[in-house]
Amino acid sequence: MRARARIMHGRYGDQAYFLARERARLPDGRRVRFWTRVAIELARLEGREIGLGASDRWR
């Protein structure tokens, strides 16, 4: 998952997290968990905080 996250980050830049989240939303069984974990790893690499709304970030 870390390797996939780094590859995606290198290829897609800032859009990699959103692409992984879109793939995680597809009804694909176990692949959903894989892409969710990739998205979490991308969030960690990019310094994103998961679960915060836009208004919460600026408080």
C-alpha atoms as a PDB file:
ATOM      1  CA  MET A   1       0.000   0.000   0.000  1.00  0.00           C
ATOM      2  CA  ARG A   2       2.817   2.411   0.762  1.00  0.00           C
ATOM      3  CA  ALA A   3       4.439   1.628  -2.558  1.00  0.00           C
ATOM      4  CA  ARG A   4       1.161   2.166  -4.424  1.00  0.00           C
ATOM      5  CA  ALA A   5       0.606   5.433  -2.551  1.00  0.00           C
ATOM      6  CA  ARG A   6       4.070   6.711  -3.459  1.00  0.00           C
ATOM      7  CA  ILE A   7       3.639   5.728  -7.097  1.00  0.00           C
ATOM      8  CA  MET A   8       0.276   7.468  -7.270  1.00  0.00           C
ATOM      9  CA  HIS A   9       1.635  10.547  -5.507  1.00  0.00           C
ATOM     10  CA  GLY A  10       4.485  10.741  -7.993  1.00  0.00           C
ATOM     11  CA  ARG A  11       2.196  10.302 -10.974  1.00  0.00           C
ATOM     12  CA  TYR A  12      -0.871  12.314  -9.964  1.00  0.00           C
ATOM     13  CA  GLY A  13       0.470  14.747  -7.357  1.00  0.00           C
ATOM     14  CA  ASP A  14      -2.192  16.412  -5.225  1.00  0.00           C
ATOM     15  CA  GLN A  15      -4.994  14.602  -7.066  1.00  0.00           C
ATOM     16  CA  ALA A  16      -3.779  11.143  -5.958  1.00  0.00           C
ATOM     17  CA  TYR A  17      -5.732  11.196  -2.685  1.00  0.00           C
ATOM     18  CA  PHE A  18      -8.987  12.059  -4.434  1.00  0.00           C
ATOM     19  CA  LEU A  19      -8.393   9.416  -7.098  1.00  0.00           C
ATOM     20  CA  ALA A  20      -7.814   6.744  -4.436  1.00  0.00           C
ATOM     21  CA  ARG A  21     -11.007   7.808  -2.621  1.00  0.00           C
ATOM     22  CA  GLU A  22     -12.965   7.508  -5.870  1.00  0.00           C
ATOM     23  CA  ARG A  23     -11.578   3.997  -6.426  1.00  0.00           C
ATOM     24  CA  ALA A  24     -12.470   3.064  -2.845  1.00  0.00           C
ATOM     25  CA  ARG A  25     -16.093   4.016  -3.507  1.00  0.00           C
ATOM     26  CA  LEU A  26     -16.476   1.495  -6.323  1.00  0.00           C
ATOM     27  CA  PRO A  27     -18.345  -1.674  -5.230  1.00  0.00           C
ATOM     28  CA  ASP A  28     -15.422  -4.049  -5.641  1.00  0.00           C
ATOM     29  CA  GLY A  29     -15.345  -6.208  -2.492  1.00  0.00           C
ATOM     30  CA  ARG A  30     -11.899  -6.476  -0.933  1.00  0.00           C
ATOM     31  CA  ARG A  31     -10.510  -3.854  -3.331  1.00  0.00           C
ATOM     32  CA  VAL A  32     -12.488  -1.241  -1.374  1.00  0.00           C
ATOM     33  CA  ARG A  33     -10.345  -1.856   1.693  1.00  0.00           C
ATOM     34  CA  PHE A  34      -7.154  -1.757  -0.360  1.00  0.00           C
ATOM     35  CA  TRP A  35      -7.957   1.634  -1.915  1.00  0.00           C
ATOM     36  CA  THR A  36      -9.125   2.994   1.435  1.00  0.00           C
ATOM     37  CA  ARG A  37      -5.757   2.084   2.938  1.00  0.00           C
ATOM     38  CA  VAL A  38      -3.956   3.635  -0.035  1.00  0.00           C
ATOM     39  CA  ALA A  39      -5.974   6.829   0.447  1.00  0.00           C
ATOM     40  CA  ILE A  40      -5.072   6.890   4.155  1.00  0.00           C
ATOM     41  CA  GLU A  41      -1.397   6.463   3.301  1.00  0.00           C
ATOM     42  CA  LEU A  42      -1.640   9.263   0.730  1.00  0.00           C
ATOM     43  CA  ALA A  43      -3.248  11.500   3.331  1.00  0.00           C
ATOM     44  CA  ARG A  44      -0.350  10.784   5.663  1.00  0.00           C
ATOM     45  CA  LEU A  45       2.200  11.549   2.924  1.00  0.00           C
ATOM     46  CA  GLU A  46       0.480  14.808   2.004  1.00  0.00           C
ATOM     47  CA  GLY A  47      -0.153  15.916   5.589  1.00  0.00           C
ATOM     48  CA  ARG A  48      -3.939  15.849   5.231  1.00  0.00           C
ATOM     49  CA  GLU A  49      -6.216  15.447   8.227  1.00  0.00           C
ATOM     50  CA  ILE A  50      -8.958  12.951   7.492  1.00  0.00           C
ATOM     51  CA  GLY A  51     -12.449  13.700   8.728  1.00  0.00           C
ATOM     52  CA  LEU A  52     -12.190  17.446   9.012  1.00  0.00           C
ATOM     53  CA  GLY A  53     -14.596  19.613   7.125  1.00  0.00           C
ATOM     54  CA  ALA A  54     -13.377  22.730   5.368  1.00  0.00           C
ATOM     55  CA  SER A  55     -14.768  24.987   8.098  1.00  0.00           C
ATOM     56  CA  ASP A  56     -13.019  22.948  10.827  1.00  0.00           C
ATOM     57  CA  ARG A  57      -9.589  23.416   9.253  1.00  0.00           C
ATOM     58  CA  TRP A  58      -9.564  27.173   9.776  1.00  0.00           C
ATOM     59  CA  ARG A  59     -10.660  27.365  13.405  1.00  0.00           C
END
